[in-house]
PDB file of N, CA and C in Angstrom:
ATOM      1  N   MET A   1       0.858  -1.179   0.000  1.00  0.00           N
ATOM      2  CA  MET A   1       0.000   0.000   0.000  1.00  0.00           C
ATOM      3  C   MET A   1       0.901   1.239   0.000  1.00  0.00           C
ATOM      4  N   GLY A   2       0.617   2.164  -0.863  1.00  0.00           N
ATOM      5  CA  GLY A   2       1.395   3.392  -0.960  1.00  0.00           C
ATOM      6  C   GLY A   2       0.740   4.549  -0.235  1.00  0.00           C
ATOM      7  N   VAL A   3       1.426   5.671  -0.230  1.00  0.00           N
ATOM      8  CA  VAL A   3       0.926   6.862   0.447  1.00  0.00           C
ATOM      9  C   VAL A   3      -0.394   7.315  -0.165  1.00  0.00           C
ATOM     10  N   GLU A   4      -0.487   7.264  -1.471  1.00  0.00           N
ATOM     11  CA  GLU A   4      -1.731   7.691  -2.124  1.00  0.00           C
ATOM     12  C   GLU A   4      -2.902   6.808  -1.685  1.00  0.00           C
ATOM     13  N   ASP A   5      -2.643   5.503  -1.538  1.00  0.00           N
ATOM     14  CA  ASP A   5      -3.697   4.596  -1.074  1.00  0.00           C
ATOM     15  C   ASP A   5      -4.115   4.945   0.354  1.00  0.00           C
ATOM     16  N   LEU A   6      -3.139   5.243   1.177  1.00  0.00           N
ATOM     17  CA  LEU A   6      -3.442   5.624   2.555  1.00  0.00           C
ATOM     18  C   LEU A   6      -4.236   6.926   2.607  1.00  0.00           C
ATOM     19  N   GLU A   7      -3.808   7.899   1.814  1.00  0.00           N
ATOM     20  CA  GLU A   7      -4.527   9.181   1.772  1.00  0.00           C
ATOM     21  C   GLU A   7      -5.973   8.970   1.376  1.00  0.00           C
ATOM     22  N   SER A   8      -6.189   8.141   0.376  1.00  0.00           N
ATOM     23  CA  SER A   8      -7.546   7.870  -0.082  1.00  0.00           C
ATOM     24  C   SER A   8      -8.352   7.176   1.003  1.00  0.00           C
ATOM     25  N   ALA A   9      -7.757   6.177   1.650  1.00  0.00           N
ATOM     26  CA  ALA A   9      -8.472   5.454   2.700  1.00  0.00           C
ATOM     27  C   ALA A   9      -8.824   6.382   3.858  1.00  0.00           C
ATOM     28  N   VAL A  10      -7.895   7.213   4.274  1.00  0.00           N
ATOM     29  CA  VAL A  10      -8.141   8.123   5.394  1.00  0.00           C
ATOM     30  C   VAL A  10      -9.214   9.142   5.031  1.00  0.00           C
ATOM     31  N   SER A  11      -9.202   9.606   3.801  1.00  0.00           N
ATOM     32  CA  SER A  11     -10.195  10.614   3.397  1.00  0.00           C
ATOM     33  C   SER A  11     -11.617  10.052   3.366  1.00  0.00           C
ATOM     34  N   HIS A  12     -11.750   8.751   3.368  1.00  0.00           N
ATOM     35  CA  HIS A  12     -13.074   8.134   3.341  1.00  0.00           C
ATOM     36  C   HIS A  12     -13.553   7.670   4.711  1.00  0.00           C
ATOM     37  N   LEU A  13     -12.796   7.926   5.755  1.00  0.00           N
ATOM     38  CA  LEU A  13     -13.206   7.527   7.098  1.00  0.00           C
ATOM     39  C   LEU A  13     -14.329   8.430   7.608  1.00  0.00           C
ATOM     40  N   SER A  14     -15.188   7.845   8.415  1.00  0.00           N
ATOM     41  CA  SER A  14     -16.213   8.655   9.079  1.00  0.00           C
ATOM     42  C   SER A  14     -15.520   9.507  10.142  1.00  0.00           C
ATOM     43  N   ALA A  15     -16.241  10.463  10.691  1.00  0.00           N
ATOM     44  CA  ALA A  15     -15.663  11.333  11.717  1.00  0.00           C
ATOM     45  C   ALA A  15     -15.190  10.520  12.923  1.00  0.00           C
ATOM     46  N   VAL A  16     -15.960   9.533  13.325  1.00  0.00           N
ATOM     47  CA  VAL A  16     -15.596   8.695  14.467  1.00  0.00           C
ATOM     48  C   VAL A  16     -14.368   7.853  14.140  1.00  0.00           C
ATOM     49  N   GLU A  17     -14.361   7.256  12.949  1.00  0.00           N
ATOM     50  CA  GLU A  17     -13.206   6.451  12.540  1.00  0.00           C
ATOM     51  C   GLU A  17     -11.957   7.317  12.406  1.00  0.00           C
ATOM     52  N   PHE A  18     -12.120   8.527  11.873  1.00  0.00           N
ATOM     53  CA  PHE A  18     -10.979   9.416  11.720  1.00  0.00           C
ATOM     54  C   PHE A  18     -10.408   9.812  13.075  1.00  0.00           C
ATOM     55  N   ALA A  19     -11.270  10.092  14.048  1.00  0.00           N
ATOM     56  CA  ALA A  19     -10.804  10.446  15.391  1.00  0.00           C
ATOM     57  C   ALA A  19     -10.024   9.278  15.995  1.00  0.00           C
ATOM     58  N   ARG A  20     -10.525   8.083  15.806  1.00  0.00           N
ATOM     59  CA  ARG A  20      -9.829   6.888  16.307  1.00  0.00           C
ATOM     60  C   ARG A  20      -8.480   6.721  15.611  1.00  0.00           C
ATOM     61  N   PHE A  21      -8.463   6.904  14.286  1.00  0.00           N
ATOM     62  CA  PHE A  21      -7.217   6.800  13.530  1.00  0.00           C
ATOM     63  C   PHE A  21      -6.226   7.869  13.972  1.00  0.00           C
ATOM     64  N   ARG A  22      -6.690   9.105  14.132  1.00  0.00           N
ATOM     65  CA  ARG A  22      -5.824  10.206  14.529  1.00  0.00           C
ATOM     66  C   ARG A  22      -5.185   9.923  15.884  1.00  0.00           C
ATOM     67  N   LYS A  23      -5.970   9.412  16.833  1.00  0.00           N
ATOM     68  CA  LYS A  23      -5.440   9.076  18.154  1.00  0.00           C
ATOM     69  C   LYS A  23      -4.365   8.004  18.021  1.00  0.00           C
ATOM     70  N   TRP A  24      -4.650   6.959  17.251  1.00  0.00           N
ATOM     71  CA  TRP A  24      -3.670   5.896  17.053  1.00  0.00           C
ATOM     72  C   TRP A  24      -2.403   6.444  16.397  1.00  0.00           C
ATOM     73  N   PHE A  25      -2.549   7.261  15.364  1.00  0.00           N
ATOM     74  CA  PHE A  25      -1.386   7.766  14.636  1.00  0.00           C
ATOM     75  C   PHE A  25      -0.537   8.680  15.505  1.00  0.00           C
ATOM     76  N   GLU A  26      -1.164   9.518  16.320  1.00  0.00           N
ATOM     77  CA  GLU A  26      -0.408  10.393  17.207  1.00  0.00           C
ATOM     78  C   GLU A  26       0.421   9.576  18.191  1.00  0.00           C
ATOM     79  N   GLU A  27      -0.161   8.505  18.724  1.00  0.00           N
ATOM     80  CA  GLU A  27       0.579   7.625  19.629  1.00  0.00           C
ATOM     81  C   GLU A  27       1.708   6.912  18.876  1.00  0.00           C
ATOM     82  N   PHE A  28       1.425   6.436  17.687  1.00  0.00           N
ATOM     83  CA  PHE A  28       2.419   5.752  16.856  1.00  0.00           C
ATOM     84  C   PHE A  28       3.580   6.691  16.536  1.00  0.00           C
ATOM     85  N   ALA A  29       3.272   7.902  16.109  1.00  0.00           N
ATOM     86  CA  ALA A  29       4.310   8.871  15.761  1.00  0.00           C
ATOM     87  C   ALA A  29       5.130   9.239  16.995  1.00  0.00           C
ATOM     88  N   GLY A  30       4.487   9.384  18.128  1.00  0.00           N
ATOM     89  CA  GLY A  30       5.202   9.686  19.366  1.00  0.00           C
ATOM     90  C   GLY A  30       6.157   8.567  19.751  1.00  0.00           C
ATOM     91  N   ASP A  31       5.704   7.340  19.608  1.00  0.00           N
ATOM     92  CA  ASP A  31       6.562   6.191  19.902  1.00  0.00           C
ATOM     93  C   ASP A  31       7.757   6.151  18.952  1.00  0.00           C
ATOM     94  N   GLN A  32       7.525   6.431  17.681  1.00  0.00           N
ATOM     95  CA  GLN A  32       8.614   6.455  16.702  1.00  0.00           C
ATOM     96  C   GLN A  32       9.630   7.535  17.077  1.00  0.00           C
ATOM     97  N   TRP A  33       9.154   8.705  17.476  1.00  0.00           N
ATOM     98  CA  TRP A  33      10.020   9.811  17.868  1.00  0.00           C
ATOM     99  C   TRP A  33      10.857   9.418  19.092  1.00  0.00           C
ATOM    100  N   ASP A  34      10.203   8.779  20.069  1.00  0.00           N
ATOM    101  CA  ASP A  34      10.921   8.343  21.261  1.00  0.00           C
ATOM    102  C   ASP A  34      12.043   7.373  20.910  1.00  0.00           C
ATOM    103  N   ARG A  35      11.762   6.416  20.029  1.00  0.00           N
ATOM    104  CA  ARG A  35      12.785   5.451  19.622  1.00  0.00           C
ATOM    105  C   ARG A  35      13.942   6.148  18.891  1.00  0.00           C
ATOM    106  N   GLU A  36      13.622   7.142  18.066  1.00  0.00           N
ATOM    107  CA  GLU A  36      14.660   7.874  17.347  1.00  0.00           C
ATOM    108  C   GLU A  36      15.549   8.651  18.318  1.00  0.00           C
ATOM    109  N   ILE A  37      14.931   9.316  19.285  1.00  0.00           N
ATOM    110  CA  ILE A  37      15.693  10.078  20.277  1.00  0.00           C
ATOM    111  C   ILE A  37      16.573   9.133  21.101  1.00  0.00           C
ATOM    112  N   GLU A  38      16.006   8.003  21.525  1.00  0.00           N
ATOM    113  CA  GLU A  38      16.787   7.037  22.298  1.00  0.00           C
ATOM    114  C   GLU A  38      17.986   6.538  21.494  1.00  0.00           C
ATOM    115  N   SER A  39      17.770   6.281  20.219  1.00  0.00           N
ATOM    116  CA  SER A  39      18.854   5.832  19.345  1.00  0.00           C
ATOM    117  C   SER A  39      19.926   6.913  19.226  1.00  0.00           C
ATOM    118  N   ASP A  40      19.503   8.159  19.065  1.00  0.00           N
ATOM    119  CA  ASP A  40      20.455   9.270  18.954  1.00  0.00           C
ATOM    120  C   ASP A  40      21.259   9.437  20.243  1.00  0.00           C
ATOM    121  N   ILE A  41      20.600   9.282  21.393  1.00  0.00           N
ATOM    122  CA  ILE A  41      21.293   9.393  22.673  1.00  0.00           C
ATOM    123  C   ILE A  41      22.325   8.284  22.804  1.00  0.00           C
ATOM    124  N   THR A  42      21.902   7.052  22.520  1.00  0.00           N
ATOM    125  CA  THR A  42      22.809   5.903  22.617  1.00  0.00           C
ATOM    126  C   THR A  42      24.004   6.062  21.689  1.00  0.00           C
ATOM    127  N   ALA A  43      23.777   6.618  20.512  1.00  0.00           N
ATOM    128  CA  ALA A  43      24.850   6.798  19.534  1.00  0.00           C
ATOM    129  C   ALA A  43      25.744   7.996  19.865  1.00  0.00           C
ATOM    130  N   GLY A  44      25.371   8.780  20.884  1.00  0.00           N
ATOM    131  CA  GLY A  44      26.194   9.915  21.286  1.00  0.00           C
ATOM    132  C   GLY A  44      25.992  11.164  20.452  1.00  0.00           C
ATOM    133  N   ARG A  45      24.901  11.227  19.704  1.00  0.00           N
ATOM    134  CA  ARG A  45      24.683  12.378  18.820  1.00  0.00           C
ATOM    135  C   ARG A  45      24.400  13.683  19.562  1.00  0.00           C
ATOM    136  N   PHE A  46      24.058  13.600  20.858  1.00  0.00           N
ATOM    137  CA  PHE A  46      23.777  14.810  21.638  1.00  0.00           C
ATOM    138  C   PHE A  46      24.905  15.156  22.595  1.00  0.00           C
ATOM    139  N   ASP A  47      25.958  14.365  22.585  1.00  0.00           N
ATOM    140  CA  ASP A  47      27.046  14.588  23.541  1.00  0.00           C
ATOM    141  C   ASP A  47      27.655  15.981  23.413  1.00  0.00           C
ATOM    142  N   ALA A  48      27.954  16.404  22.204  1.00  0.00           N
ATOM    143  CA  ALA A  48      28.581  17.718  22.003  1.00  0.00           C
ATOM    144  C   ALA A  48      27.637  18.840  22.433  1.00  0.00           C
ATOM    145  N   ALA A  49      26.365  18.709  22.100  1.00  0.00           N
ATOM    146  CA  ALA A  49      25.397  19.744  22.489  1.00  0.00           C
ATOM    147  C   ALA A  49      25.236  19.790  24.006  1.00  0.00           C
ATOM    148  N   GLY A  50      25.228  18.632  24.648  1.00  0.00           N
ATOM    149  CA  GLY A  50      25.132  18.589  26.104  1.00  0.00           C
ATOM    150  C   GLY A  50      26.349  19.211  26.766  1.00  0.00           C
ATOM    151  N   LYS A  51      27.513  18.904  26.221  1.00  0.00           N
ATOM    152  CA  LYS A  51      28.749  19.486  26.759  1.00  0.00           C
ATOM    153  C   LYS A  51      28.738  21.001  26.611  1.00  0.00           C
ATOM    154  N   GLN A  52      28.289  21.487  25.446  1.00  0.00           N
ATOM    155  CA  GLN A  52      28.223  22.932  25.222  1.00  0.00           C
ATOM    156  C   GLN A  52      27.222  23.578  26.174  1.00  0.00           C
ATOM    157  N   ALA A  53      26.101  22.930  26.398  1.00  0.00           N
ATOM    158  CA  ALA A  53      25.100  23.466  27.322  1.00  0.00           C
ATOM    159  C   ALA A  53      25.664  23.546  28.735  1.00  0.00           C
ATOM    160  N   ASP A  54      26.375  22.508  29.147  1.00  0.00           N
ATOM    161  CA  ASP A  54      26.997  22.536  30.473  1.00  0.00           C
ATOM    162  C   ASP A  54      27.996  23.680  30.580  1.00  0.00           C
ATOM    163  N   GLN A  55      28.807  23.854  29.554  1.00  0.00           N
ATOM    164  CA  GLN A  55      29.798  24.938  29.559  1.00  0.00           C
ATOM    165  C   GLN A  55      29.114  26.307  29.612  1.00  0.00           C
ATOM    166  N   ASP A  56      28.060  26.475  28.832  1.00  0.00           N
ATOM    167  CA  ASP A  56      27.329  27.743  28.837  1.00  0.00           C
ATOM    168  C   ASP A  56      26.714  28.015  30.211  1.00  0.00           C
ATOM    169  N   PHE A  57      26.165  26.971  30.820  1.00  0.00           N
ATOM    170  CA  PHE A  57      25.574  27.136  32.157  1.00  0.00           C
ATOM    171  C   PHE A  57      26.635  27.536  33.163  1.00  0.00           C
ATOM    172  N   GLU A  58      27.737  26.819  33.169  1.00  0.00           N
ATOM    173  CA  GLU A  58      28.823  27.117  34.112  1.00  0.00           C
ATOM    174  C   GLU A  58      29.391  28.524  33.900  1.00  0.00           C
ATOM    175  N   ALA A  59      29.370  28.997  32.658  1.00  0.00           N
ATOM    176  CA  ALA A  59      29.898  30.331  32.357  1.00  0.00           C
ATOM    177  C   ALA A  59      28.859  31.428  32.571  1.00  0.00           C
ATOM    178  N   GLY A  60      27.649  31.056  33.001  1.00  0.00           N
ATOM    179  CA  GLY A  60      26.617  32.050  33.259  1.00  0.00           C
ATOM    180  C   GLY A  60      25.941  32.580  32.007  1.00  0.00           C
ATOM    181  N   ARG A  61      26.011  31.833  30.930  1.00  0.00           N
ATOM    182  CA  ARG A  61      25.410  32.289  29.666  1.00  0.00           C
ATOM    183  C   ARG A  61      23.984  31.721  29.475  1.00  0.00           C
ATOM    184  N   CYS A  62      23.306  31.439  30.557  1.00  0.00           N
ATOM    185  CA  CYS A  62      21.931  30.902  30.481  1.00  0.00           C
ATOM    186  C   CYS A  62      20.986  31.833  31.214  1.00  0.00           C
ATOM    187  N   THR A  63      19.760  31.843  30.806  1.00  0.00           N
ATOM    188  CA  THR A  63      18.750  32.645  31.488  1.00  0.00           C
ATOM    189  C   THR A  63      17.625  31.728  31.953  1.00  0.00           C
ATOM    190  N   PRO A  64      17.013  32.032  33.083  1.00  0.00           N
ATOM    191  CA  PRO A  64      15.890  31.217  33.573  1.00  0.00           C
ATOM    192  C   PRO A  64      14.727  31.263  32.594  1.00  0.00           C
ATOM    193  N   LEU A  65      14.015  30.176  32.523  1.00  0.00           N
ATOM    194  CA  LEU A  65      12.824  30.147  31.660  1.00  0.00           C
ATOM    195  C   LEU A  65      11.655  30.766  32.348  1.00  0.00           C
TER     196      LEU A  65
END
């Protein structure tokens, strides 16, 4: 099934079915995002940014939110 098939199927859902699909998709997308972030953390992709943030904090270059 391709994207066009999915678009067509979703466009034909009733309001109730669409709400159910939207809830499922939001949870699915959130889970995918979590797995991607976890993978990036494990691979060390945020190490440099974390180190820079620590240095900025220690140097007083941060402001309270």
